[in-house]
PDB file of N, CA and C in Angstrom:
ATOM      1  N   MET A   1      -5.574  42.197 -10.378  1.00  0.00           N
ATOM      2  CA  MET A   1      -5.439  42.926  -9.121  1.00  0.00           C
ATOM      3  C   MET A   1      -6.125  42.135  -8.016  1.00  0.00           C
ATOM      4  N   GLY A   2      -5.748  40.859  -7.888  1.00  0.00           N
ATOM      5  CA  GLY A   2      -6.306  40.026  -6.833  1.00  0.00           C
ATOM      6  C   GLY A   2      -5.426  40.047  -5.600  1.00  0.00           C
ATOM      7  N   LYS A   3      -5.872  39.337  -4.603  1.00  0.00           N
ATOM      8  CA  LYS A   3      -5.093  39.243  -3.379  1.00  0.00           C
ATOM      9  C   LYS A   3      -3.986  38.210  -3.537  1.00  0.00           C
ATOM     10  N   ASP A   4      -2.934  38.355  -2.706  1.00  0.00           N
ATOM     11  CA  ASP A   4      -1.880  37.351  -2.691  1.00  0.00           C
ATOM     12  C   ASP A   4      -2.417  36.069  -2.066  1.00  0.00           C
ATOM     13  N   LYS A   5      -1.801  34.955  -2.464  1.00  0.00           N
ATOM     14  CA  LYS A   5      -2.185  33.667  -1.916  1.00  0.00           C
ATOM     15  C   LYS A   5      -1.825  33.617  -0.437  1.00  0.00           C
ATOM     16  N   ASN A   6      -2.694  33.014   0.387  1.00  0.00           N
ATOM     17  CA  ASN A   6      -2.403  32.883   1.805  1.00  0.00           C
ATOM     18  C   ASN A   6      -1.192  31.980   2.008  1.00  0.00           C
ATOM     19  N   PRO A   7      -0.326  32.314   2.959  1.00  0.00           N
ATOM     20  CA  PRO A   7       0.814  31.425   3.226  1.00  0.00           C
ATOM     21  C   PRO A   7       0.320  30.130   3.886  1.00  0.00           C
ATOM     22  N   ARG A   8       1.081  29.057   3.669  1.00  0.00           N
ATOM     23  CA  ARG A   8       0.717  27.771   4.256  1.00  0.00           C
ATOM     24  C   ARG A   8       0.858  27.810   5.769  1.00  0.00           C
ATOM     25  N   ARG A   9      -0.047  27.133   6.455  1.00  0.00           N
ATOM     26  CA  ARG A   9       0.006  27.088   7.913  1.00  0.00           C
ATOM     27  C   ARG A   9       1.019  26.069   8.409  1.00  0.00           C
ATOM     28  N   VAL A  10       1.384  25.128   7.547  1.00  0.00           N
ATOM     29  CA  VAL A  10       2.341  24.086   7.925  1.00  0.00           C
ATOM     30  C   VAL A  10       3.510  24.130   6.953  1.00  0.00           C
ATOM     31  N   ALA A  11       4.574  23.414   7.273  1.00  0.00           N
ATOM     32  CA  ALA A  11       5.777  23.404   6.432  1.00  0.00           C
ATOM     33  C   ALA A  11       5.501  22.702   5.107  1.00  0.00           C
ATOM     34  N   GLU A  12       6.468  22.779   4.202  1.00  0.00           N
ATOM     35  CA  GLU A  12       6.302  22.201   2.859  1.00  0.00           C
ATOM     36  C   GLU A  12       6.191  20.679   2.889  1.00  0.00           C
ATOM     37  N   ASN A  13       6.790  20.040   3.893  1.00  0.00           N
ATOM     38  CA  ASN A  13       6.742  18.579   3.954  1.00  0.00           C
ATOM     39  C   ASN A  13       5.705  18.083   4.964  1.00  0.00           C
ATOM     40  N   GLU A  14       4.708  18.917   5.276  1.00  0.00           N
ATOM     41  CA  GLU A  14       3.676  18.552   6.251  1.00  0.00           C
ATOM     42  C   GLU A  14       2.281  18.733   5.665  1.00  0.00           C
ATOM     43  N   ALA A  15       1.332  18.030   6.273  1.00  0.00           N
ATOM     44  CA  ALA A  15      -0.087  18.204   5.964  1.00  0.00           C
ATOM     45  C   ALA A  15      -0.854  18.102   7.277  1.00  0.00           C
ATOM     46  N   MET A  16      -2.059  18.673   7.295  1.00  0.00           N
ATOM     47  CA  MET A  16      -2.799  18.788   8.548  1.00  0.00           C
ATOM     48  C   MET A  16      -4.264  18.445   8.331  1.00  0.00           C
ATOM     49  N   ALA A  17      -4.902  17.940   9.369  1.00  0.00           N
ATOM     50  CA  ALA A  17      -6.352  17.743   9.389  1.00  0.00           C
ATOM     51  C   ALA A  17      -6.845  18.100  10.780  1.00  0.00           C
ATOM     52  N   LYS A  18      -8.017  18.713  10.820  1.00  0.00           N
ATOM     53  CA  LYS A  18      -8.576  19.167  12.094  1.00  0.00           C
ATOM     54  C   LYS A  18      -9.999  18.642  12.219  1.00  0.00           C
ATOM     55  N   LEU A  19     -10.329  18.167  13.405  1.00  0.00           N
ATOM     56  CA  LEU A  19     -11.660  17.631  13.669  1.00  0.00           C
ATOM     57  C   LEU A  19     -12.237  18.399  14.843  1.00  0.00           C
ATOM     58  N   ARG A  20     -13.406  19.013  14.640  1.00  0.00           N
ATOM     59  CA  ARG A  20     -14.011  19.827  15.688  1.00  0.00           C
ATOM     60  C   ARG A  20     -15.282  19.163  16.197  1.00  0.00           C
ATOM     61  N   MET A  21     -15.699  19.588  17.379  1.00  0.00           N
ATOM     62  CA  MET A  21     -16.966  19.162  17.987  1.00  0.00           C
ATOM     63  C   MET A  21     -17.030  17.644  18.193  1.00  0.00           C
ATOM     64  N   LEU A  22     -15.968  17.079  18.738  1.00  0.00           N
ATOM     65  CA  LEU A  22     -15.972  15.665  19.107  1.00  0.00           C
ATOM     66  C   LEU A  22     -16.617  15.536  20.476  1.00  0.00           C
ATOM     67  N   ARG A  23     -17.592  14.677  20.598  1.00  0.00           N
ATOM     68  CA  ARG A  23     -18.359  14.574  21.838  1.00  0.00           C
ATOM     69  C   ARG A  23     -17.650  13.653  22.839  1.00  0.00           C
ATOM     70  N   THR A  24     -16.551  14.144  23.360  1.00  0.00           N
ATOM     71  CA  THR A  24     -15.813  13.469  24.421  1.00  0.00           C
ATOM     72  C   THR A  24     -14.982  14.510  25.154  1.00  0.00           C
ATOM     73  N   SER A  25     -14.520  14.166  26.317  1.00  0.00           N
ATOM     74  CA  SER A  25     -13.721  15.128  27.072  1.00  0.00           C
ATOM     75  C   SER A  25     -12.309  15.185  26.483  1.00  0.00           C
ATOM     76  N   PRO A  26     -11.652  16.341  26.573  1.00  0.00           N
ATOM     77  CA  PRO A  26     -10.287  16.453  26.055  1.00  0.00           C
ATOM     78  C   PRO A  26      -9.315  15.481  26.732  1.00  0.00           C
ATOM     79  N   GLN A  27      -9.561  15.182  27.994  1.00  0.00           N
ATOM     80  CA  GLN A  27      -8.670  14.276  28.722  1.00  0.00           C
ATOM     81  C   GLN A  27      -8.721  12.869  28.121  1.00  0.00           C
ATOM     82  N   LYS A  28      -9.920  12.386  27.803  1.00  0.00           N
ATOM     83  CA  LYS A  28     -10.053  11.054  27.204  1.00  0.00           C
ATOM     84  C   LYS A  28      -9.496  11.039  25.782  1.00  0.00           C
ATOM     85  N   LEU A  29      -9.729  12.118  25.047  1.00  0.00           N
ATOM     86  CA  LEU A  29      -9.236  12.189  23.677  1.00  0.00           C
ATOM     87  C   LEU A  29      -7.715  12.251  23.646  1.00  0.00           C
ATOM     88  N   ASN A  30      -7.112  12.902  24.627  1.00  0.00           N
ATOM     89  CA  ASN A  30      -5.657  13.018  24.673  1.00  0.00           C
ATOM     90  C   ASN A  30      -4.997  11.669  24.913  1.00  0.00           C
ATOM     91  N   LEU A  31      -5.665  10.758  25.597  1.00  0.00           N
ATOM     92  CA  LEU A  31      -5.119   9.411  25.790  1.00  0.00           C
ATOM     93  C   LEU A  31      -4.950   8.708  24.454  1.00  0.00           C
ATOM     94  N   VAL A  32      -5.922   8.871  23.566  1.00  0.00           N
ATOM     95  CA  VAL A  32      -5.857   8.237  22.251  1.00  0.00           C
ATOM     96  C   VAL A  32      -4.850   8.968  21.364  1.00  0.00           C
ATOM     97  N   ALA A  33      -4.809  10.301  21.444  1.00  0.00           N
ATOM     98  CA  ALA A  33      -3.863  11.067  20.633  1.00  0.00           C
ATOM     99  C   ALA A  33      -2.427  10.745  21.023  1.00  0.00           C
ATOM    100  N   ALA A  34      -2.171  10.539  22.313  1.00  0.00           N
ATOM    101  CA  ALA A  34      -0.822  10.202  22.772  1.00  0.00           C
ATOM    102  C   ALA A  34      -0.387   8.836  22.261  1.00  0.00           C
ATOM    103  N   MET A  35      -1.362   7.982  21.977  1.00  0.00           N
ATOM    104  CA  MET A  35      -1.068   6.627  21.508  1.00  0.00           C
ATOM    105  C   MET A  35      -0.437   6.638  20.112  1.00  0.00           C
ATOM    106  N   ILE A  36      -0.701   7.682  19.293  1.00  0.00           N
ATOM    107  CA  ILE A  36      -0.227   7.686  17.908  1.00  0.00           C
ATOM    108  C   ILE A  36       0.872   8.702  17.644  1.00  0.00           C
ATOM    109  N   ARG A  37       1.193   9.557  18.598  1.00  0.00           N
ATOM    110  CA  ARG A  37       2.206  10.591  18.365  1.00  0.00           C
ATOM    111  C   ARG A  37       3.562   9.983  18.034  1.00  0.00           C
ATOM    112  N   GLY A  38       4.176  10.482  16.950  1.00  0.00           N
ATOM    113  CA  GLY A  38       5.520  10.059  16.590  1.00  0.00           C
ATOM    114  C   GLY A  38       5.611   8.747  15.839  1.00  0.00           C
ATOM    115  N   LYS A  39       4.503   8.078  15.609  1.00  0.00           N
ATOM    116  CA  LYS A  39       4.531   6.781  14.922  1.00  0.00           C
ATOM    117  C   LYS A  39       4.382   6.958  13.418  1.00  0.00           C
ATOM    118  N   LYS A  40       4.789   5.930  12.669  1.00  0.00           N
ATOM    119  CA  LYS A  40       4.520   5.914  11.240  1.00  0.00           C
ATOM    120  C   LYS A  40       3.012   5.778  11.040  1.00  0.00           C
ATOM    121  N   VAL A  41       2.490   6.333   9.949  1.00  0.00           N
ATOM    122  CA  VAL A  41       1.041   6.408   9.788  1.00  0.00           C
ATOM    123  C   VAL A  41       0.389   5.034   9.652  1.00  0.00           C
ATOM    124  N   ASP A  42       1.059   4.078   9.005  1.00  0.00           N
ATOM    125  CA  ASP A  42       0.438   2.752   8.881  1.00  0.00           C
ATOM    126  C   ASP A  42       0.339   2.061  10.235  1.00  0.00           C
ATOM    127  N   ARG A  43       1.364   2.257  11.085  1.00  0.00           N
ATOM    128  CA  ARG A  43       1.336   1.693  12.432  1.00  0.00           C
ATOM    129  C   ARG A  43       0.263   2.381  13.287  1.00  0.00           C
ATOM    130  N   ALA A  44       0.144   3.701  13.135  1.00  0.00           N
ATOM    131  CA  ALA A  44      -0.859   4.455  13.898  1.00  0.00           C
ATOM    132  C   ALA A  44      -2.268   4.037  13.498  1.00  0.00           C
ATOM    133  N   LEU A  45      -2.507   3.827  12.192  1.00  0.00           N
ATOM    134  CA  LEU A  45      -3.825   3.373  11.740  1.00  0.00           C
ATOM    135  C   LEU A  45      -4.162   2.000  12.312  1.00  0.00           C
ATOM    136  N   ASN A  46      -3.172   1.110  12.360  1.00  0.00           N
ATOM    137  CA  ASN A  46      -3.401  -0.205  12.956  1.00  0.00           C
ATOM    138  C   ASN A  46      -3.761  -0.094  14.432  1.00  0.00           C
ATOM    139  N   ASP A  47      -3.019   0.728  15.165  1.00  0.00           N
ATOM    140  CA  ASP A  47      -3.290   0.899  16.596  1.00  0.00           C
ATOM    141  C   ASP A  47      -4.700   1.434  16.833  1.00  0.00           C
ATOM    142  N   LEU A  48      -5.126   2.394  15.999  1.00  0.00           N
ATOM    143  CA  LEU A  48      -6.462   2.974  16.173  1.00  0.00           C
ATOM    144  C   LEU A  48      -7.551   1.989  15.761  1.00  0.00           C
ATOM    145  N   THR A  49      -7.286   1.171  14.745  1.00  0.00           N
ATOM    146  CA  THR A  49      -8.284   0.207  14.288  1.00  0.00           C
ATOM    147  C   THR A  49      -8.609  -0.801  15.384  1.00  0.00           C
ATOM    148  N   PHE A  50      -7.584  -1.236  16.122  1.00  0.00           N
ATOM    149  CA  PHE A  50      -7.794  -2.285  17.118  1.00  0.00           C
ATOM    150  C   PHE A  50      -7.883  -1.751  18.543  1.00  0.00           C
ATOM    151  N   SER A  51      -8.007  -0.442  18.694  1.00  0.00           N
ATOM    152  CA  SER A  51      -8.173   0.139  20.023  1.00  0.00           C
ATOM    153  C   SER A  51      -9.601  -0.085  20.523  1.00  0.00           C
ATOM    154  N   LYS A  52      -9.748  -0.238  21.830  1.00  0.00           N
ATOM    155  CA  LYS A  52     -11.076  -0.461  22.407  1.00  0.00           C
ATOM    156  C   LYS A  52     -11.783   0.839  22.777  1.00  0.00           C
ATOM    157  N   LYS A  53     -11.096   1.976  22.632  1.00  0.00           N
ATOM    158  CA  LYS A  53     -11.707   3.261  22.966  1.00  0.00           C
ATOM    159  C   LYS A  53     -12.714   3.657  21.890  1.00  0.00           C
ATOM    160  N   ARG A  54     -13.853   4.172  22.298  1.00  0.00           N
ATOM    161  CA  ARG A  54     -14.901   4.565  21.357  1.00  0.00           C
ATOM    162  C   ARG A  54     -14.434   5.686  20.440  1.00  0.00           C
ATOM    163  N   ILE A  55     -13.690   6.642  20.965  1.00  0.00           N
ATOM    164  CA  ILE A  55     -13.314   7.824  20.200  1.00  0.00           C
ATOM    165  C   ILE A  55     -12.211   7.520  19.195  1.00  0.00           C
ATOM    166  N   ALA A  56     -11.591   6.347  19.280  1.00  0.00           N
ATOM    167  CA  ALA A  56     -10.517   5.976  18.354  1.00  0.00           C
ATOM    168  C   ALA A  56     -11.013   5.913  16.913  1.00  0.00           C
ATOM    169  N   ILE A  57     -12.296   5.641  16.719  1.00  0.00           N
ATOM    170  CA  ILE A  57     -12.882   5.603  15.372  1.00  0.00           C
ATOM    171  C   ILE A  57     -12.792   6.981  14.732  1.00  0.00           C
ATOM    172  N   ASP A  58     -13.151   8.022  15.486  1.00  0.00           N
ATOM    173  CA  ASP A  58     -13.106   9.384  14.955  1.00  0.00           C
ATOM    174  C   ASP A  58     -11.670   9.869  14.760  1.00  0.00           C
ATOM    175  N   VAL A  59     -10.767   9.471  15.656  1.00  0.00           N
ATOM    176  CA  VAL A  59      -9.361   9.851  15.510  1.00  0.00           C
ATOM    177  C   VAL A  59      -8.790   9.203  14.253  1.00  0.00           C
ATOM    178  N   ARG A  60      -9.197   7.973  13.980  1.00  0.00           N
ATOM    179  CA  ARG A  60      -8.740   7.275  12.774  1.00  0.00           C
ATOM    180  C   ARG A  60      -9.216   7.990  11.513  1.00  0.00           C
ATOM    181  N   LYS A  61     -10.454   8.466  11.520  1.00  0.00           N
ATOM    182  CA  LYS A  61     -10.970   9.213  10.373  1.00  0.00           C
ATOM    183  C   LYS A  61     -10.171  10.492  10.147  1.00  0.00           C
ATOM    184  N   CYS A  62      -9.814  11.176  11.232  1.00  0.00           N
ATOM    185  CA  CYS A  62      -9.035  12.405  11.119  1.00  0.00           C
ATOM    186  C   CYS A  62      -7.639  12.114  10.580  1.00  0.00           C
ATOM    187  N   LEU A  63      -7.025  11.026  11.033  1.00  0.00           N
ATOM    188  CA  LEU A  63      -5.704  10.649  10.536  1.00  0.00           C
ATOM    189  C   LEU A  63      -5.759  10.286   9.054  1.00  0.00           C
ATOM    190  N   GLN A  64      -6.801   9.578   8.650  1.00  0.00           N
ATOM    191  CA  GLN A  64      -6.962   9.242   7.234  1.00  0.00           C
ATOM    192  C   GLN A  64      -7.151  10.504   6.395  1.00  0.00           C
ATOM    193  N   SER A  65      -7.831  11.494   6.932  1.00  0.00           N
ATOM    194  CA  SER A  65      -8.015  12.755   6.240  1.00  0.00           C
ATOM    195  C   SER A  65      -6.683  13.487   6.086  1.00  0.00           C
ATOM    196  N   ALA A  66      -5.847  13.468   7.124  1.00  0.00           N
ATOM    197  CA  ALA A  66      -4.536  14.105   7.047  1.00  0.00           C
ATOM    198  C   ALA A  66      -3.654  13.413   6.020  1.00  0.00           C
ATOM    199  N   ILE A  67      -3.742  12.086   5.948  1.00  0.00           N
ATOM    200  CA  ILE A  67      -2.968  11.329   4.954  1.00  0.00           C
ATOM    201  C   ILE A  67      -3.442  11.674   3.549  1.00  0.00           C
ATOM    202  N   ALA A  68      -4.756  11.754   3.360  1.00  0.00           N
ATOM    203  CA  ALA A  68      -5.305  12.105   2.046  1.00  0.00           C
ATOM    204  C   ALA A  68      -4.917  13.523   1.650  1.00  0.00           C
ATOM    205  N   ASN A  69      -4.905  14.459   2.612  1.00  0.00           N
ATOM    206  CA  ASN A  69      -4.463  15.822   2.320  1.00  0.00           C
ATOM    207  C   ASN A  69      -2.997  15.839   1.885  1.00  0.00           C
ATOM    208  N   ALA A  70      -2.178  15.049   2.560  1.00  0.00           N
ATOM    209  CA  ALA A  70      -0.759  15.000   2.218  1.00  0.00           C
ATOM    210  C   ALA A  70      -0.561  14.454   0.812  1.00  0.00           C
ATOM    211  N   GLU A  71      -1.329  13.430   0.476  1.00  0.00           N
ATOM    212  CA  GLU A  71      -1.156  12.780  -0.822  1.00  0.00           C
ATOM    213  C   GLU A  71      -1.728  13.629  -1.955  1.00  0.00           C
ATOM    214  N   ASN A  72      -2.928  14.133  -1.794  1.00  0.00           N
ATOM    215  CA  ASN A  72      -3.629  14.799  -2.896  1.00  0.00           C
ATOM    216  C   ASN A  72      -3.317  16.290  -3.005  1.00  0.00           C
ATOM    217  N   ASN A  73      -3.172  16.973  -1.887  1.00  0.00           N
ATOM    218  CA  ASN A  73      -2.991  18.428  -1.934  1.00  0.00           C
ATOM    219  C   ASN A  73      -1.526  18.841  -1.938  1.00  0.00           C
ATOM    220  N   HIS A  74      -0.651  18.022  -1.322  1.00  0.00           N
ATOM    221  CA  HIS A  74       0.738  18.441  -1.153  1.00  0.00           C
ATOM    222  C   HIS A  74       1.736  17.497  -1.809  1.00  0.00           C
ATOM    223  N   ASN A  75       1.256  16.467  -2.507  1.00  0.00           N
ATOM    224  CA  ASN A  75       2.092  15.522  -3.252  1.00  0.00           C
ATOM    225  C   ASN A  75       3.196  14.908  -2.397  1.00  0.00           C
ATOM    226  N   LEU A  76       2.846  14.458  -1.199  1.00  0.00           N
ATOM    227  CA  LEU A  76       3.812  13.793  -0.327  1.00  0.00           C
ATOM    228  C   LEU A  76       3.667  12.285  -0.467  1.00  0.00           C
ATOM    229  N   ASP A  77       4.747  11.562  -0.180  1.00  0.00           N
ATOM    230  CA  ASP A  77       4.745  10.103  -0.290  1.00  0.00           C
ATOM    231  C   ASP A  77       4.131   9.504   0.974  1.00  0.00           C
ATOM    232  N   VAL A  78       3.092   8.696   0.812  1.00  0.00           N
ATOM    233  CA  VAL A  78       2.348   8.153   1.950  1.00  0.00           C
ATOM    234  C   VAL A  78       3.206   7.196   2.777  1.00  0.00           C
ATOM    235  N   ASP A  79       4.122   6.463   2.114  1.00  0.00           N
ATOM    236  CA  ASP A  79       4.929   5.469   2.829  1.00  0.00           C
ATOM    237  C   ASP A  79       5.962   6.106   3.747  1.00  0.00           C
ATOM    238  N   GLU A  80       6.255   7.382   3.573  1.00  0.00           N
ATOM    239  CA  GLU A  80       7.273   8.046   4.385  1.00  0.00           C
ATOM    240  C   GLU A  80       6.674   9.014   5.407  1.00  0.00           C
ATOM    241  N   LEU A  81       5.365   8.921   5.661  1.00  0.00           N
ATOM    242  CA  LEU A  81       4.714   9.858   6.586  1.00  0.00           C
ATOM    243  C   LEU A  81       4.776   9.340   8.013  1.00  0.00           C
ATOM    244  N   ILE A  82       4.982  10.266   8.946  1.00  0.00           N
ATOM    245  CA  ILE A  82       4.848   9.969  10.368  1.00  0.00           C
ATOM    246  C   ILE A  82       3.863  10.968  10.964  1.00  0.00           C
ATOM    247  N   VAL A  83       3.292  10.625  12.112  1.00  0.00           N
ATOM    248  CA  VAL A  83       2.407  11.548  12.832  1.00  0.00           C
ATOM    249  C   VAL A  83       3.307  12.496  13.617  1.00  0.00           C
ATOM    250  N   ALA A  84       3.495  13.694  13.083  1.00  0.00           N
ATOM    251  CA  ALA A  84       4.401  14.655  13.705  1.00  0.00           C
ATOM    252  C   ALA A  84       3.788  15.238  14.974  1.00  0.00           C
ATOM    253  N   GLU A  85       2.521  15.640  14.895  1.00  0.00           N
ATOM    254  CA  GLU A  85       1.833  16.224  16.047  1.00  0.00           C
ATOM    255  C   GLU A  85       0.405  15.705  16.083  1.00  0.00           C
ATOM    256  N   ALA A  86      -0.091  15.506  17.277  1.00  0.00           N
ATOM    257  CA  ALA A  86      -1.506  15.193  17.489  1.00  0.00           C
ATOM    258  C   ALA A  86      -1.873  15.851  18.804  1.00  0.00           C
ATOM    259  N   TYR A  87      -2.576  16.977  18.721  1.00  0.00           N
ATOM    260  CA  TYR A  87      -2.900  17.670  19.958  1.00  0.00           C
ATOM    261  C   TYR A  87      -4.392  17.950  20.059  1.00  0.00           C
ATOM    262  N   VAL A  88      -4.825  18.157  21.287  1.00  0.00           N
ATOM    263  CA  VAL A  88      -6.238  18.217  21.638  1.00  0.00           C
ATOM    264  C   VAL A  88      -6.536  19.577  22.241  1.00  0.00           C
ATOM    265  N   GLY A  89      -7.728  20.108  21.929  1.00  0.00           N
ATOM    266  CA  GLY A  89      -8.160  21.362  22.522  1.00  0.00           C
ATOM    267  C   GLY A  89      -9.578  21.249  23.057  1.00  0.00           C
ATOM    268  N   LYS A  90      -9.925  22.176  23.939  1.00  0.00           N
ATOM    269  CA  LYS A  90     -11.280  22.192  24.482  1.00  0.00           C
ATOM    270  C   LYS A  90     -12.207  22.913  23.520  1.00  0.00           C
ATOM    271  N   ASN A  91     -13.459  22.517  23.525  1.00  0.00           N
ATOM    272  CA  ASN A  91     -14.488  23.189  22.762  1.00  0.00           C
ATOM    273  C   ASN A  91     -15.603  23.519  23.744  1.00  0.00           C
ATOM    274  N   LEU A  92     -16.810  23.700  23.266  1.00  0.00           N
ATOM    275  CA  LEU A  92     -17.874  24.109  24.173  1.00  0.00           C
ATOM    276  C   LEU A  92     -18.277  22.992  25.126  1.00  0.00           C
ATOM    277  N   THR A  93     -18.980  23.352  26.179  1.00  0.00           N
ATOM    278  CA  THR A  93     -19.473  22.396  27.162  1.00  0.00           C
ATOM    279  C   THR A  93     -20.957  22.607  27.351  1.00  0.00           C
ATOM    280  N   LEU A  94     -21.735  21.550  27.125  1.00  0.00           N
ATOM    281  CA  LEU A  94     -23.177  21.629  27.387  1.00  0.00           C
ATOM    282  C   LEU A  94     -23.404  21.493  28.885  1.00  0.00           C
ATOM    283  N   LYS A  95     -24.232  22.356  29.438  1.00  0.00           N
ATOM    284  CA  LYS A  95     -24.550  22.290  30.855  1.00  0.00           C
ATOM    285  C   LYS A  95     -25.913  21.644  31.016  1.00  0.00           C
ATOM    286  N   ARG A  96     -25.946  20.528  31.661  1.00  0.00           N
ATOM    287  CA  ARG A  96     -27.184  19.822  31.932  1.00  0.00           C
ATOM    288  C   ARG A  96     -27.298  19.618  33.435  1.00  0.00           C
ATOM    289  N   GLY A  97     -28.438  19.156  33.891  1.00  0.00           N
ATOM    290  CA  GLY A  97     -28.596  18.991  35.324  1.00  0.00           C
ATOM    291  C   GLY A  97     -29.529  17.871  35.681  1.00  0.00           C
ATOM    292  N   ARG A  98     -29.525  17.549  36.963  1.00  0.00           N
ATOM    293  CA  ARG A  98     -30.356  16.471  37.465  1.00  0.00           C
ATOM    294  C   ARG A  98     -30.826  16.876  38.862  1.00  0.00           C
ATOM    295  N   PRO A  99     -32.104  16.739  39.118  1.00  0.00           N
ATOM    296  CA  PRO A  99     -32.592  17.062  40.464  1.00  0.00           C
ATOM    297  C   PRO A  99     -32.013  16.101  41.501  1.00  0.00           C
ATOM    298  N   ARG A 100     -31.609  16.657  42.627  1.00  0.00           N
ATOM    299  CA  ARG A 100     -31.034  15.841  43.696  1.00  0.00           C
ATOM    300  C   ARG A 100     -31.892  15.978  44.947  1.00  0.00           C
ATOM    301  N   ALA A 101     -31.460  15.366  46.005  1.00  0.00           N
ATOM    302  CA  ALA A 101     -32.228  15.351  47.249  1.00  0.00           C
ATOM    303  C   ALA A 101     -32.297  16.747  47.876  1.00  0.00           C
ATOM    304  N   ARG A 102     -33.336  16.996  48.629  1.00  0.00           N
ATOM    305  CA  ARG A 102     -33.547  18.235  49.388  1.00  0.00           C
ATOM    306  C   ARG A 102     -33.552  19.457  48.494  1.00  0.00           C
ATOM    307  N   GLY A 103     -34.118  19.323  47.288  1.00  0.00           N
ATOM    308  CA  GLY A 103     -34.314  20.458  46.402  1.00  0.00           C
ATOM    309  C   GLY A 103     -33.062  20.986  45.740  1.00  0.00           C
ATOM    310  N   ARG A 104     -32.009  20.216  45.764  1.00  0.00           N
ATOM    311  CA  ARG A 104     -30.764  20.674  45.160  1.00  0.00           C
ATOM    312  C   ARG A 104     -30.694  20.254  43.702  1.00  0.00           C
ATOM    313  N   PHE A 105     -29.646  20.719  43.036  1.00  0.00           N
ATOM    314  CA  PHE A 105     -29.496  20.523  41.596  1.00  0.00           C
ATOM    315  C   PHE A 105     -28.079  20.043  41.325  1.00  0.00           C
ATOM    316  N   GLY A 106     -27.954  18.882  40.713  1.00  0.00           N
ATOM    317  CA  GLY A 106     -26.626  18.360  40.392  1.00  0.00           C
ATOM    318  C   GLY A 106     -26.249  18.717  38.963  1.00  0.00           C
ATOM    319  N   ARG A 107     -25.132  19.405  38.785  1.00  0.00           N
ATOM    320  CA  ARG A 107     -24.689  19.802  37.438  1.00  0.00           C
ATOM    321  C   ARG A 107     -24.079  18.617  36.715  1.00  0.00           C
ATOM    322  N   ILE A 108     -24.421  18.483  35.446  1.00  0.00           N
ATOM    323  CA  ILE A 108     -23.809  17.494  34.569  1.00  0.00           C
ATOM    324  C   ILE A 108     -23.201  18.264  33.406  1.00  0.00           C
ATOM    325  N   LEU A 109     -21.893  18.155  33.244  1.00  0.00           N
ATOM    326  CA  LEU A 109     -21.190  18.842  32.170  1.00  0.00           C
ATOM    327  C   LEU A 109     -20.914  17.854  31.051  1.00  0.00           C
ATOM    328  N   LYS A 110     -21.266  18.232  29.828  1.00  0.00           N
ATOM    329  CA  LYS A 110     -21.041  17.373  28.666  1.00  0.00           C
ATOM    330  C   LYS A 110     -20.061  18.076  27.737  1.00  0.00           C
ATOM    331  N   PRO A 111     -18.760  17.786  27.887  1.00  0.00           N
ATOM    332  CA  PRO A 111     -17.745  18.528  27.140  1.00  0.00           C
ATOM    333  C   PRO A 111     -17.578  18.050  25.697  1.00  0.00           C
ATOM    334  N   PHE A 112     -17.125  18.969  24.845  1.00  0.00           N
ATOM    335  CA  PHE A 112     -16.759  18.678  23.464  1.00  0.00           C
ATOM    336  C   PHE A 112     -15.271  19.009  23.323  1.00  0.00           C
ATOM    337  N   SER A 113     -14.624  18.381  22.345  1.00  0.00           N
ATOM    338  CA  SER A 113     -13.191  18.582  22.126  1.00  0.00           C
ATOM    339  C   SER A 113     -12.924  18.825  20.656  1.00  0.00           C
ATOM    340  N   GLU A 114     -11.690  19.213  20.355  1.00  0.00           N
ATOM    341  CA  GLU A 114     -11.255  19.260  18.969  1.00  0.00           C
ATOM    342  C   GLU A 114      -9.857  18.653  18.879  1.00  0.00           C
ATOM    343  N   LEU A 115      -9.566  18.094  17.713  1.00  0.00           N
ATOM    344  CA  LEU A 115      -8.329  17.346  17.508  1.00  0.00           C
ATOM    345  C   LEU A 115      -7.629  17.868  16.261  1.00  0.00           C
ATOM    346  N   THR A 116      -6.321  18.077  16.348  1.00  0.00           N
ATOM    347  CA  THR A 116      -5.515  18.486  15.203  1.00  0.00           C
ATOM    348  C   THR A 116      -4.403  17.470  15.017  1.00  0.00           C
ATOM    349  N   ILE A 117      -4.284  16.951  13.796  1.00  0.00           N
ATOM    350  CA  ILE A 117      -3.240  15.981  13.476  1.00  0.00           C
ATOM    351  C   ILE A 117      -2.403  16.537  12.333  1.00  0.00           C
ATOM    352  N   LYS A 118      -1.074  16.556  12.530  1.00  0.00           N
ATOM    353  CA  LYS A 118      -0.144  16.948  11.475  1.00  0.00           C
ATOM    354  C   LYS A 118       0.717  15.741  11.135  1.00  0.00           C
ATOM    355  N   VAL A 119       0.814  15.461   9.838  1.00  0.00           N
ATOM    356  CA  VAL A 119       1.695  14.390   9.377  1.00  0.00           C
ATOM    357  C   VAL A 119       2.858  15.030   8.631  1.00  0.00           C
ATOM    358  N   ARG A 120       4.045  14.420   8.752  1.00  0.00           N
ATOM    359  CA  ARG A 120       5.262  14.956   8.142  1.00  0.00           C
ATOM    360  C   ARG A 120       5.950  13.852   7.361  1.00  0.00           C
ATOM    361  N   GLN A 121       6.487  14.239   6.212  1.00  0.00           N
ATOM    362  CA  GLN A 121       7.241  13.282   5.398  1.00  0.00           C
ATOM    363  C   GLN A 121       8.702  13.310   5.811  1.00  0.00           C
ATOM    364  N   VAL A 122       9.221  12.151   6.190  1.00  0.00           N
ATOM    365  CA  VAL A 122      10.640  12.027   6.534  1.00  0.00           C
ATOM    366  C   VAL A 122      11.241  10.926   5.686  1.00  0.00           C
ATOM    367  N   GLU A 123      12.431  11.177   5.148  1.00  0.00           N
ATOM    368  CA  GLU A 123      13.096  10.175   4.331  1.00  0.00           C
ATOM    369  C   GLU A 123      13.701   9.116   5.254  1.00  0.00           C
ATOM    370  N   GLU A 124      13.522   7.872   4.869  1.00  0.00           N
ATOM    371  CA  GLU A 124      14.046   6.767   5.693  1.00  0.00           C
ATOM    372  C   GLU A 124      15.537   6.631   5.498  1.00  0.00           C
ATOM    373  N   GLN A 125      16.252   6.398   6.621  1.00  0.00           N
ATOM    374  CA  GLN A 125      17.694   6.186   6.529  1.00  0.00           C
ATOM    375  C   GLN A 125      17.950   4.719   6.202  1.00  0.00           C
ATOM    376  N   ALA A 126      18.904   4.475   5.303  1.00  0.00           N
ATOM    377  CA  ALA A 126      19.211   3.098   4.899  1.00  0.00           C
ATOM    378  C   ALA A 126      20.223   2.455   5.805  1.00  0.00           C
TER     379      ALA A 126
END
């Protein structure tokens, strides 16, 4: 008399990985996420490896996690995976400040982001 199994959040030929609390603004993270959308996973990993953006290291880790989830949890073929979706969301913002001239206070916002990557298996056309 147990509970039913939760339904999958993604389709049968997809796998997902989510990364939270990334210390960068969503706008900067979206530039890197846009770089890999729709590409084959091996090409996307290469692009992230040689990117000069600091946050590309963390995006690469998230993509590797999505690939590992696809291979180990959902039995998908790694050679046929593409990055189906890579989207960015806002997370919390630390509010900091700095004293300015004439007794004023300059706000410094330190935003955090989150990243979701979905990989999908597509059969190659001959």
